[in-house]
Amino acid sequence: MFSTLIVARMQPGSATDVAGLFREFDNSEMPHRMGTRRRQLFRYHGLYFHLQDFDADDGGDRIESAKTDPRFVRISDDLKPFIEAYDPQTWRSPADAMAHRFYEWSSL
């Protein structure tokens, strides 16, 4: 399984709105199209953490192909009032907000 973690800033009190947007998105076929197996959203002191687990590491090909889908574009636009880049000066794409795993352990 392949995972990504996006780190950003989240407007206070917007967790319900953000969860609702993703609930609608995840009830479509978009997670399947992107290969998303699981999505988890976390918040901590104004920070937003978006953890996604994927079936396999395909180099992001499935996600890249989904980026032009109107549903992907719409959720990206709908999240803008609630989620902003952690560092707006350096943000150019979601890849600029990805945390990098430096340790992993599993009992499997």
PDB file of N, CA and C in Angstrom:
ATOM      1  N   MET A   1       0.837  -1.171   0.000  1.00  0.00           N
ATOM      2  CA  MET A   1       0.000   0.000   0.000  1.00  0.00           C
ATOM      3  C   MET A   1       0.886   1.240   0.000  1.00  0.00           C
ATOM      4  N   PHE A   2       0.430   2.274  -0.671  1.00  0.00           N
ATOM      5  CA  PHE A   2       1.135   3.542  -0.791  1.00  0.00           C
ATOM      6  C   PHE A   2       0.313   4.602  -0.070  1.00  0.00           C
ATOM      7  N   SER A   3       0.967   5.477   0.674  1.00  0.00           N
ATOM      8  CA  SER A   3       0.264   6.528   1.416  1.00  0.00           C
ATOM      9  C   SER A   3       0.839   7.890   1.090  1.00  0.00           C
ATOM     10  N   THR A   4      -0.032   8.906   1.167  1.00  0.00           N
ATOM     11  CA  THR A   4       0.414  10.292   1.079  1.00  0.00           C
ATOM     12  C   THR A   4      -0.188  11.053   2.246  1.00  0.00           C
ATOM     13  N   LEU A   5       0.527  12.071   2.690  1.00  0.00           N
ATOM     14  CA  LEU A   5       0.050  12.928   3.768  1.00  0.00           C
ATOM     15  C   LEU A   5       0.243  14.372   3.333  1.00  0.00           C
ATOM     16  N   ILE A   6      -0.886  15.083   3.194  1.00  0.00           N
ATOM     17  CA  ILE A   6      -0.855  16.500   2.844  1.00  0.00           C
ATOM     18  C   ILE A   6      -1.014  17.308   4.121  1.00  0.00           C
ATOM     19  N   VAL A   7      -0.178  18.317   4.290  1.00  0.00           N
ATOM     20  CA  VAL A   7      -0.226  19.201   5.456  1.00  0.00           C
ATOM     21  C   VAL A   7      -0.582  20.602   4.965  1.00  0.00           C
ATOM     22  N   ALA A   8      -1.579  21.210   5.604  1.00  0.00           N
ATOM     23  CA  ALA A   8      -2.008  22.555   5.228  1.00  0.00           C
ATOM     24  C   ALA A   8      -2.546  23.253   6.478  1.00  0.00           C
ATOM     25  N   ARG A   9      -3.102  24.428   6.279  1.00  0.00           N
ATOM     26  CA  ARG A   9      -3.745  25.170   7.365  1.00  0.00           C
ATOM     27  C   ARG A   9      -5.251  25.119   7.139  1.00  0.00           C
ATOM     28  N   MET A  10      -5.998  25.025   8.246  1.00  0.00           N
ATOM     29  CA  MET A  10      -7.447  24.914   8.146  1.00  0.00           C
ATOM     30  C   MET A  10      -8.109  26.002   8.982  1.00  0.00           C
ATOM     31  N   GLN A  11      -9.141  26.621   8.426  1.00  0.00           N
ATOM     32  CA  GLN A  11      -9.880  27.651   9.137  1.00  0.00           C
ATOM     33  C   GLN A  11     -10.547  27.043  10.375  1.00  0.00           C
ATOM     34  N   PRO A  12     -10.482  27.727  11.516  1.00  0.00           N
ATOM     35  CA  PRO A  12     -11.134  27.220  12.726  1.00  0.00           C
ATOM     36  C   PRO A  12     -12.631  26.992  12.488  1.00  0.00           C
ATOM     37  N   GLY A  13     -13.137  25.919  13.035  1.00  0.00           N
ATOM     38  CA  GLY A  13     -14.555  25.625  12.944  1.00  0.00           C
ATOM     39  C   GLY A  13     -15.030  25.081  11.607  1.00  0.00           C
ATOM     40  N   SER A  14     -14.117  24.733  10.716  1.00  0.00           N
ATOM     41  CA  SER A  14     -14.524  24.291   9.384  1.00  0.00           C
ATOM     42  C   SER A  14     -14.457  22.777   9.183  1.00  0.00           C
ATOM     43  N   ALA A  15     -14.150  22.028  10.232  1.00  0.00           N
ATOM     44  CA  ALA A  15     -14.000  20.575  10.082  1.00  0.00           C
ATOM     45  C   ALA A  15     -15.267  19.914   9.537  1.00  0.00           C
ATOM     46  N   THR A  16     -16.429  20.346  10.000  1.00  0.00           N
ATOM     47  CA  THR A  16     -17.679  19.751   9.525  1.00  0.00           C
ATOM     48  C   THR A  16     -17.876  20.020   8.039  1.00  0.00           C
ATOM     49  N   ASP A  17     -17.586  21.236   7.598  1.00  0.00           N
ATOM     50  CA  ASP A  17     -17.722  21.581   6.179  1.00  0.00           C
ATOM     51  C   ASP A  17     -16.759  20.763   5.319  1.00  0.00           C
ATOM     52  N   VAL A  18     -15.515  20.670   5.761  1.00  0.00           N
ATOM     53  CA  VAL A  18     -14.501  19.929   5.003  1.00  0.00           C
ATOM     54  C   VAL A  18     -14.888  18.449   4.934  1.00  0.00           C
ATOM     55  N   ALA A  19     -15.315  17.891   6.062  1.00  0.00           N
ATOM     56  CA  ALA A  19     -15.728  16.484   6.073  1.00  0.00           C
ATOM     57  C   ALA A  19     -16.908  16.264   5.133  1.00  0.00           C
ATOM     58  N   GLY A  20     -17.850  17.188   5.099  1.00  0.00           N
ATOM     59  CA  GLY A  20     -18.999  17.058   4.208  1.00  0.00           C
ATOM     60  C   GLY A  20     -18.601  17.068   2.744  1.00  0.00           C
ATOM     61  N   LEU A  21     -17.660  17.925   2.389  1.00  0.00           N
ATOM     62  CA  LEU A  21     -17.179  17.966   1.000  1.00  0.00           C
ATOM     63  C   LEU A  21     -16.540  16.637   0.612  1.00  0.00           C
ATOM     64  N   PHE A  22     -15.723  16.103   1.505  1.00  0.00           N
ATOM     65  CA  PHE A  22     -15.086  14.821   1.194  1.00  0.00           C
ATOM     66  C   PHE A  22     -16.078  13.668   1.234  1.00  0.00           C
ATOM     67  N   ARG A  23     -17.074  13.732   2.098  1.00  0.00           N
ATOM     68  CA  ARG A  23     -18.092  12.681   2.145  1.00  0.00           C
ATOM     69  C   ARG A  23     -18.784  12.586   0.781  1.00  0.00           C
ATOM     70  N   GLU A  24     -19.155  13.721   0.225  1.00  0.00           N
ATOM     71  CA  GLU A  24     -19.798  13.735  -1.097  1.00  0.00           C
ATOM     72  C   GLU A  24     -18.850  13.207  -2.171  1.00  0.00           C
ATOM     73  N   PHE A  25     -17.599  13.671  -2.144  1.00  0.00           N
ATOM     74  CA  PHE A  25     -16.589  13.240  -3.112  1.00  0.00           C
ATOM     75  C   PHE A  25     -16.358  11.731  -3.013  1.00  0.00           C
ATOM     76  N   ASP A  26     -16.253  11.223  -1.787  1.00  0.00           N
ATOM     77  CA  ASP A  26     -15.951   9.807  -1.588  1.00  0.00           C
ATOM     78  C   ASP A  26     -17.137   8.893  -1.878  1.00  0.00           C
ATOM     79  N   ASN A  27     -18.340   9.456  -1.940  1.00  0.00           N
ATOM     80  CA  ASN A  27     -19.510   8.667  -2.317  1.00  0.00           C
ATOM     81  C   ASN A  27     -19.677   8.571  -3.833  1.00  0.00           C
ATOM     82  N   SER A  28     -18.768   9.187  -4.571  1.00  0.00           N
ATOM     83  CA  SER A  28     -18.763   9.055  -6.031  1.00  0.00           C
ATOM     84  C   SER A  28     -17.764   7.957  -6.401  1.00  0.00           C
ATOM     85  N   GLU A  29     -17.545   7.763  -7.686  1.00  0.00           N
ATOM     86  CA  GLU A  29     -16.557   6.763  -8.113  1.00  0.00           C
ATOM     87  C   GLU A  29     -15.128   7.318  -8.109  1.00  0.00           C
ATOM     88  N   MET A  30     -14.959   8.576  -7.685  1.00  0.00           N
ATOM     89  CA  MET A  30     -13.627   9.196  -7.719  1.00  0.00           C
ATOM     90  C   MET A  30     -12.584   8.445  -6.895  1.00  0.00           C
ATOM     91  N   PRO A  31     -12.870   7.992  -5.672  1.00  0.00           N
ATOM     92  CA  PRO A  31     -11.831   7.241  -4.953  1.00  0.00           C
ATOM     93  C   PRO A  31     -11.357   6.008  -5.730  1.00  0.00           C
ATOM     94  N   HIS A  32     -12.294   5.312  -6.345  1.00  0.00           N
ATOM     95  CA  HIS A  32     -11.914   4.141  -7.142  1.00  0.00           C
ATOM     96  C   HIS A  32     -11.053   4.569  -8.330  1.00  0.00           C
ATOM     97  N   ARG A  33     -11.445   5.637  -8.989  1.00  0.00           N
ATOM     98  CA  ARG A  33     -10.682   6.115 -10.154  1.00  0.00           C
ATOM     99  C   ARG A  33      -9.253   6.478  -9.756  1.00  0.00           C
ATOM    100  N   MET A  34      -9.094   7.055  -8.561  1.00  0.00           N
ATOM    101  CA  MET A  34      -7.782   7.474  -8.095  1.00  0.00           C
ATOM    102  C   MET A  34      -7.007   6.345  -7.418  1.00  0.00           C
ATOM    103  N   GLY A  35      -7.673   5.226  -7.139  1.00  0.00           N
ATOM    104  CA  GLY A  35      -7.018   4.120  -6.442  1.00  0.00           C
ATOM    105  C   GLY A  35      -6.968   4.320  -4.938  1.00  0.00           C
ATOM    106  N   THR A  36      -7.801   5.233  -4.424  1.00  0.00           N
ATOM    107  CA  THR A  36      -7.815   5.512  -2.982  1.00  0.00           C
ATOM    108  C   THR A  36      -8.500   4.373  -2.251  1.00  0.00           C
ATOM    109  N   ARG A  37      -7.804   3.822  -1.282  1.00  0.00           N
ATOM    110  CA  ARG A  37      -8.356   2.753  -0.455  1.00  0.00           C
ATOM    111  C   ARG A  37      -8.952   3.320   0.828  1.00  0.00           C
ATOM    112  N   ARG A  38      -8.291   4.340   1.382  1.00  0.00           N
ATOM    113  CA  ARG A  38      -8.759   4.942   2.634  1.00  0.00           C
ATOM    114  C   ARG A  38      -8.315   6.389   2.685  1.00  0.00           C
ATOM    115  N   ARG A  39      -9.191   7.237   3.243  1.00  0.00           N
ATOM    116  CA  ARG A  39      -8.872   8.652   3.451  1.00  0.00           C
ATOM    117  C   ARG A  39      -9.137   8.967   4.924  1.00  0.00           C
ATOM    118  N   GLN A  40      -8.209   9.679   5.544  1.00  0.00           N
ATOM    119  CA  GLN A  40      -8.401  10.137   6.914  1.00  0.00           C
ATOM    120  C   GLN A  40      -8.015  11.609   6.980  1.00  0.00           C
ATOM    121  N   LEU A  41      -8.846  12.400   7.654  1.00  0.00           N
ATOM    122  CA  LEU A  41      -8.579  13.826   7.838  1.00  0.00           C
ATOM    123  C   LEU A  41      -8.367  14.083   9.319  1.00  0.00           C
ATOM    124  N   PHE A  42      -7.332  14.858   9.630  1.00  0.00           N
ATOM    125  CA  PHE A  42      -7.003  15.208  11.005  1.00  0.00           C
ATOM    126  C   PHE A  42      -6.830  16.721  11.107  1.00  0.00           C
ATOM    127  N   ARG A  43      -7.061  17.247  12.290  1.00  0.00           N
ATOM    128  CA  ARG A  43      -6.783  18.661  12.555  1.00  0.00           C
ATOM    129  C   ARG A  43      -6.059  18.769  13.886  1.00  0.00           C
ATOM    130  N   TYR A  44      -5.225  19.781  13.965  1.00  0.00           N
ATOM    131  CA  TYR A  44      -4.464  20.015  15.198  1.00  0.00           C
ATOM    132  C   TYR A  44      -4.009  21.465  15.202  1.00  0.00           C
ATOM    133  N   HIS A  45      -4.532  22.244  16.130  1.00  0.00           N
ATOM    134  CA  HIS A  45      -4.132  23.649  16.299  1.00  0.00           C
ATOM    135  C   HIS A  45      -4.033  24.415  14.983  1.00  0.00           C
ATOM    136  N   GLY A  46      -5.098  24.377  14.203  1.00  0.00           N
ATOM    137  CA  GLY A  46      -5.130  25.125  12.955  1.00  0.00           C
ATOM    138  C   GLY A  46      -4.452  24.442  11.785  1.00  0.00           C
ATOM    139  N   LEU A  47      -3.898  23.260  12.015  1.00  0.00           N
ATOM    140  CA  LEU A  47      -3.284  22.502  10.919  1.00  0.00           C
ATOM    141  C   LEU A  47      -4.241  21.422  10.439  1.00  0.00           C
ATOM    142  N   TYR A  48      -4.112  21.087   9.188  1.00  0.00           N
ATOM    143  CA  TYR A  48      -4.943  20.092   8.510  1.00  0.00           C
ATOM    144  C   TYR A  48      -4.020  18.998   7.980  1.00  0.00           C
ATOM    145  N   PHE A  49      -4.385  17.762   8.234  1.00  0.00           N
ATOM    146  CA  PHE A  49      -3.606  16.617   7.773  1.00  0.00           C
ATOM    147  C   PHE A  49      -4.550  15.706   6.988  1.00  0.00           C
ATOM    148  N   HIS A  50      -4.180  15.417   5.769  1.00  0.00           N
ATOM    149  CA  HIS A  50      -5.005  14.623   4.864  1.00  0.00           C
ATOM    150  C   HIS A  50      -4.202  13.391   4.477  1.00  0.00           C
ATOM    151  N   LEU A  51      -4.541  12.265   5.107  1.00  0.00           N
ATOM    152  CA  LEU A  51      -3.838  11.002   4.877  1.00  0.00           C
ATOM    153  C   LEU A  51      -4.651  10.139   3.923  1.00  0.00           C
ATOM    154  N   GLN A  52      -4.013   9.721   2.835  1.00  0.00           N
ATOM    155  CA  GLN A  52      -4.665   8.827   1.872  1.00  0.00           C
ATOM    156  C   GLN A  52      -3.822   7.586   1.695  1.00  0.00           C
ATOM    157  N   ASP A  53      -4.499   6.445   1.676  1.00  0.00           N
ATOM    158  CA  ASP A  53      -3.863   5.167   1.382  1.00  0.00           C
ATOM    159  C   ASP A  53      -4.365   4.711   0.019  1.00  0.00           C
ATOM    160  N   PHE A  54      -3.447   4.239  -0.802  1.00  0.00           N
ATOM    161  CA  PHE A  54      -3.761   3.807  -2.159  1.00  0.00           C
ATOM    162  C   PHE A  54      -3.442   2.330  -2.322  1.00  0.00           C
ATOM    163  N   ASP A  55      -4.098   1.710  -3.298  1.00  0.00           N
ATOM    164  CA  ASP A  55      -3.890   0.284  -3.566  1.00  0.00           C
ATOM    165  C   ASP A  55      -2.428  -0.026  -3.832  1.00  0.00           C
ATOM    166  N   ALA A  56      -1.774   0.798  -4.626  1.00  0.00           N
ATOM    167  CA  ALA A  56      -0.375   0.550  -4.992  1.00  0.00           C
ATOM    168  C   ALA A  56       0.263   1.861  -5.419  1.00  0.00           C
ATOM    169  N   ASP A  57       1.570   1.890  -5.377  1.00  0.00           N
ATOM    170  CA  ASP A  57       2.302   3.081  -5.829  1.00  0.00           C
ATOM    171  C   ASP A  57       2.464   3.001  -7.339  1.00  0.00           C
ATOM    172  N   ASP A  58       1.623   3.749  -8.037  1.00  0.00           N
ATOM    173  CA  ASP A  58       1.699   3.771  -9.496  1.00  0.00           C
ATOM    174  C   ASP A  58       2.395   5.029  -9.992  1.00  0.00           C
ATOM    175  N   GLY A  59       3.131   5.682  -9.092  1.00  0.00           N
ATOM    176  CA  GLY A  59       3.829   6.904  -9.462  1.00  0.00           C
ATOM    177  C   GLY A  59       2.903   8.095  -9.557  1.00  0.00           C
ATOM    178  N   GLY A  60       1.691   7.958  -9.035  1.00  0.00           N
ATOM    179  CA  GLY A  60       0.737   9.059  -9.063  1.00  0.00           C
ATOM    180  C   GLY A  60      -0.005   9.188 -10.380  1.00  0.00           C
ATOM    181  N   ASP A  61       0.144   8.201 -11.270  1.00  0.00           N
ATOM    182  CA  ASP A  61      -0.491   8.280 -12.590  1.00  0.00           C
ATOM    183  C   ASP A  61      -2.016   8.379 -12.496  1.00  0.00           C
ATOM    184  N   ARG A  62      -2.621   7.591 -11.615  1.00  0.00           N
ATOM    185  CA  ARG A  62      -4.083   7.609 -11.504  1.00  0.00           C
ATOM    186  C   ARG A  62      -4.567   8.946 -10.951  1.00  0.00           C
ATOM    187  N   ILE A  63      -3.834   9.500  -9.989  1.00  0.00           N
ATOM    188  CA  ILE A  63      -4.222  10.795  -9.424  1.00  0.00           C
ATOM    189  C   ILE A  63      -4.063  11.878 -10.485  1.00  0.00           C
ATOM    190  N   GLU A  64      -2.947  11.853 -11.201  1.00  0.00           N
ATOM    191  CA  GLU A  64      -2.714  12.854 -12.240  1.00  0.00           C
ATOM    192  C   GLU A  64      -3.820  12.824 -13.288  1.00  0.00           C
ATOM    193  N   SER A  65      -4.252  11.641 -13.674  1.00  0.00           N
ATOM    194  CA  SER A  65      -5.301  11.554 -14.691  1.00  0.00           C
ATOM    195  C   SER A  65      -6.646  12.022 -14.142  1.00  0.00           C
ATOM    196  N   ALA A  66      -6.864  11.914 -12.832  1.00  0.00           N
ATOM    197  CA  ALA A  66      -8.130  12.338 -12.221  1.00  0.00           C
ATOM    198  C   ALA A  66      -8.204  13.847 -12.016  1.00  0.00           C
ATOM    199  N   LYS A  67      -7.075  14.534 -12.023  1.00  0.00           N
ATOM    200  CA  LYS A  67      -7.049  15.975 -11.726  1.00  0.00           C
ATOM    201  C   LYS A  67      -7.871  16.818 -12.692  1.00  0.00           C
ATOM    202  N   THR A  68      -8.118  16.321 -13.881  1.00  0.00           N
ATOM    203  CA  THR A  68      -8.906  17.087 -14.841  1.00  0.00           C
ATOM    204  C   THR A  68     -10.399  16.767 -14.755  1.00  0.00           C
ATOM    205  N   ASP A  69     -10.752  15.775 -13.962  1.00  0.00           N
ATOM    206  CA  ASP A  69     -12.164  15.423 -13.792  1.00  0.00           C
ATOM    207  C   ASP A  69     -12.880  16.589 -13.116  1.00  0.00           C
ATOM    208  N   PRO A  70     -14.056  16.982 -13.604  1.00  0.00           N
ATOM    209  CA  PRO A  70     -14.774  18.118 -13.012  1.00  0.00           C
ATOM    210  C   PRO A  70     -15.041  17.973 -11.507  1.00  0.00           C
ATOM    211  N   ARG A  71     -15.210  16.741 -11.028  1.00  0.00           N
ATOM    212  CA  ARG A  71     -15.438  16.529  -9.588  1.00  0.00           C
ATOM    213  C   ARG A  71     -14.184  16.835  -8.781  1.00  0.00           C
ATOM    214  N   PHE A  72     -13.031  16.505  -9.327  1.00  0.00           N
ATOM    215  CA  PHE A  72     -11.766  16.815  -8.654  1.00  0.00           C
ATOM    216  C   PHE A  72     -11.556  18.323  -8.628  1.00  0.00           C
ATOM    217  N   VAL A  73     -11.801  18.961  -9.763  1.00  0.00           N
ATOM    218  CA  VAL A  73     -11.659  20.420  -9.851  1.00  0.00           C
ATOM    219  C   VAL A  73     -12.625  21.093  -8.878  1.00  0.00           C
ATOM    220  N   ARG A  74     -13.863  20.592  -8.814  1.00  0.00           N
ATOM    221  CA  ARG A  74     -14.877  21.193  -7.946  1.00  0.00           C
ATOM    222  C   ARG A  74     -14.499  21.073  -6.470  1.00  0.00           C
ATOM    223  N   ILE A  75     -14.059  19.887  -6.019  1.00  0.00           N
ATOM    224  CA  ILE A  75     -13.713  19.769  -4.599  1.00  0.00           C
ATOM    225  C   ILE A  75     -12.506  20.638  -4.273  1.00  0.00           C
ATOM    226  N   SER A  76     -11.580  20.741  -5.191  1.00  0.00           N
ATOM    227  CA  SER A  76     -10.419  21.611  -4.964  1.00  0.00           C
ATOM    228  C   SER A  76     -10.868  23.055  -4.777  1.00  0.00           C
ATOM    229  N   ASP A  77     -11.788  23.510  -5.613  1.00  0.00           N
ATOM    230  CA  ASP A  77     -12.317  24.874  -5.489  1.00  0.00           C
ATOM    231  C   ASP A  77     -13.160  25.042  -4.230  1.00  0.00           C
ATOM    232  N   ASP A  78     -13.983  24.038  -3.912  1.00  0.00           N
ATOM    233  CA  ASP A  78     -14.861  24.119  -2.744  1.00  0.00           C
ATOM    234  C   ASP A  78     -14.085  24.132  -1.429  1.00  0.00           C
ATOM    235  N   LEU A  79     -12.884  23.561  -1.423  1.00  0.00           N
ATOM    236  CA  LEU A  79     -12.065  23.533  -0.202  1.00  0.00           C
ATOM    237  C   LEU A  79     -11.331  24.852   0.049  1.00  0.00           C
ATOM    238  N   LYS A  80     -11.190  25.674  -0.961  1.00  0.00           N
ATOM    239  CA  LYS A  80     -10.393  26.902  -0.839  1.00  0.00           C
ATOM    240  C   LYS A  80     -10.797  27.824   0.313  1.00  0.00           C
ATOM    241  N   PRO A  81     -12.085  27.986   0.633  1.00  0.00           N
ATOM    242  CA  PRO A  81     -12.422  28.854   1.768  1.00  0.00           C
ATOM    243  C   PRO A  81     -11.981  28.283   3.126  1.00  0.00           C
ATOM    244  N   PHE A  82     -11.718  26.981   3.173  1.00  0.00           N
ATOM    245  CA  PHE A  82     -11.428  26.311   4.438  1.00  0.00           C
ATOM    246  C   PHE A  82      -9.975  25.889   4.610  1.00  0.00           C
ATOM    247  N   ILE A  83      -9.320  25.553   3.499  1.00  0.00           N
ATOM    248  CA  ILE A  83      -7.961  25.001   3.531  1.00  0.00           C
ATOM    249  C   ILE A  83      -7.040  25.922   2.740  1.00  0.00           C
ATOM    250  N   GLU A  84      -5.903  26.260   3.329  1.00  0.00           N
ATOM    251  CA  GLU A  84      -4.914  27.056   2.603  1.00  0.00           C
ATOM    252  C   GLU A  84      -3.542  26.414   2.746  1.00  0.00           C
ATOM    253  N   ALA A  85      -2.683  26.722   1.830  1.00  0.00           N
ATOM    254  CA  ALA A  85      -1.339  26.146   1.825  1.00  0.00           C
ATOM    255  C   ALA A  85      -0.621  26.441   3.141  1.00  0.00           C
ATOM    256  N   TYR A  86       0.148  25.487   3.590  1.00  0.00           N
ATOM    257  CA  TYR A  86       0.944  25.680   4.799  1.00  0.00           C
ATOM    258  C   TYR A  86       1.911  26.842   4.598  1.00  0.00           C
ATOM    259  N   ASP A  87       2.551  26.869   3.440  1.00  0.00           N
ATOM    260  CA  ASP A  87       3.471  27.954   3.097  1.00  0.00           C
ATOM    261  C   ASP A  87       3.093  28.487   1.717  1.00  0.00           C
ATOM    262  N   PRO A  88       2.220  29.490   1.662  1.00  0.00           N
ATOM    263  CA  PRO A  88       1.752  30.003   0.364  1.00  0.00           C
ATOM    264  C   PRO A  88       2.877  30.499  -0.551  1.00  0.00           C
ATOM    265  N   GLN A  89       4.007  30.886   0.022  1.00  0.00           N
ATOM    266  CA  GLN A  89       5.119  31.393  -0.792  1.00  0.00           C
ATOM    267  C   GLN A  89       5.753  30.310  -1.659  1.00  0.00           C
ATOM    268  N   THR A  90       5.699  29.065  -1.195  1.00  0.00           N
ATOM    269  CA  THR A  90       6.354  27.988  -1.936  1.00  0.00           C
ATOM    270  C   THR A  90       5.380  27.019  -2.590  1.00  0.00           C
ATOM    271  N   TRP A  91       4.078  27.171  -2.342  1.00  0.00           N
ATOM    272  CA  TRP A  91       3.098  26.219  -2.852  1.00  0.00           C
ATOM    273  C   TRP A  91       2.810  26.458  -4.327  1.00  0.00           C
ATOM    274  N   ARG A  92       2.981  25.391  -5.120  1.00  0.00           N
ATOM    275  CA  ARG A  92       2.649  25.431  -6.541  1.00  0.00           C
ATOM    276  C   ARG A  92       1.664  24.317  -6.900  1.00  0.00           C
ATOM    277  N   SER A  93       1.698  23.224  -6.144  1.00  0.00           N
ATOM    278  CA  SER A  93       0.804  22.088  -6.386  1.00  0.00           C
ATOM    279  C   SER A  93       0.698  21.283  -5.093  1.00  0.00           C
ATOM    280  N   PRO A  94      -0.227  20.325  -5.008  1.00  0.00           N
ATOM    281  CA  PRO A  94      -0.321  19.510  -3.793  1.00  0.00           C
ATOM    282  C   PRO A  94       0.990  18.806  -3.421  1.00  0.00           C
ATOM    283  N   ALA A  95       1.823  18.554  -4.397  1.00  0.00           N
ATOM    284  CA  ALA A  95       3.111  17.909  -4.110  1.00  0.00           C
ATOM    285  C   ALA A  95       3.964  18.765  -3.167  1.00  0.00           C
ATOM    286  N   ASP A  96       3.752  20.084  -3.197  1.00  0.00           N
ATOM    287  CA  ASP A  96       4.509  20.982  -2.323  1.00  0.00           C
ATOM    288  C   ASP A  96       4.013  20.937  -0.880  1.00  0.00           C
ATOM    289  N   ALA A  97       2.906  20.250  -0.649  1.00  0.00           N
ATOM    290  CA  ALA A  97       2.347  20.144   0.700  1.00  0.00           C
ATOM    291  C   ALA A  97       2.464  18.728   1.257  1.00  0.00           C
ATOM    292  N   MET A  98       3.154  17.853   0.541  1.00  0.00           N
ATOM    293  CA  MET A  98       3.275  16.461   0.963  1.00  0.00           C
ATOM    294  C   MET A  98       4.364  16.306   2.012  1.00  0.00           C
ATOM    295  N   ALA A  99       3.973  15.655   3.102  1.00  0.00           N
ATOM    296  CA  ALA A  99       4.966  15.292   4.107  1.00  0.00           C
ATOM    297  C   ALA A  99       5.753  14.093   3.569  1.00  0.00           C
ATOM    298  N   HIS A 100       6.963  13.952   4.024  1.00  0.00           N
ATOM    299  CA  HIS A 100       7.821  12.854   3.570  1.00  0.00           C
ATOM    300  C   HIS A 100       8.057  11.896   4.724  1.00  0.00           C
ATOM    301  N   ARG A 101       7.679  10.636   4.499  1.00  0.00           N
ATOM    302  CA  ARG A 101       7.873   9.601   5.518  1.00  0.00           C
ATOM    303  C   ARG A 101       9.369   9.360   5.701  1.00  0.00           C
ATOM    304  N   PHE A 102       9.786   9.335   6.953  1.00  0.00           N
ATOM    305  CA  PHE A 102      11.192   9.042   7.217  1.00  0.00           C
ATOM    306  C   PHE A 102      11.374   7.838   8.128  1.00  0.00           C
ATOM    307  N   TYR A 103      10.249   7.212   8.547  1.00  0.00           N
ATOM    308  CA  TYR A 103      10.319   5.990   9.331  1.00  0.00           C
ATOM    309  C   TYR A 103       8.995   5.271   9.227  1.00  0.00           C
ATOM    310  N   GLU A 104       9.058   3.964   9.153  1.00  0.00           N
ATOM    311  CA  GLU A 104       7.838   3.155   9.119  1.00  0.00           C
ATOM    312  C   GLU A 104       8.106   1.833   9.818  1.00  0.00           C
ATOM    313  N   TRP A 105       7.116   1.360  10.548  1.00  0.00           N
ATOM    314  CA  TRP A 105       7.184   0.063  11.196  1.00  0.00           C
ATOM    315  C   TRP A 105       5.837  -0.620  11.021  1.00  0.00           C
ATOM    316  N   SER A 106       5.840  -1.911  10.859  1.00  0.00           N
ATOM    317  CA  SER A 106       4.604  -2.673  10.728  1.00  0.00           C
ATOM    318  C   SER A 106       4.782  -4.039  11.368  1.00  0.00           C
ATOM    319  N   SER A 107       3.709  -4.533  11.947  1.00  0.00           N
ATOM    320  CA  SER A 107       3.756  -5.879  12.529  1.00  0.00           C
ATOM    321  C   SER A 107       3.485  -6.944  11.474  1.00  0.00           C
ATOM    322  N   LEU A 108       3.151  -6.539  10.286  1.00  0.00           N
ATOM    323  CA  LEU A 108       2.836  -7.498   9.207  1.00  0.00           C
ATOM    324  C   LEU A 108       4.045  -8.015   8.519  1.00  0.00           C
TER     325      LEU A 108
END
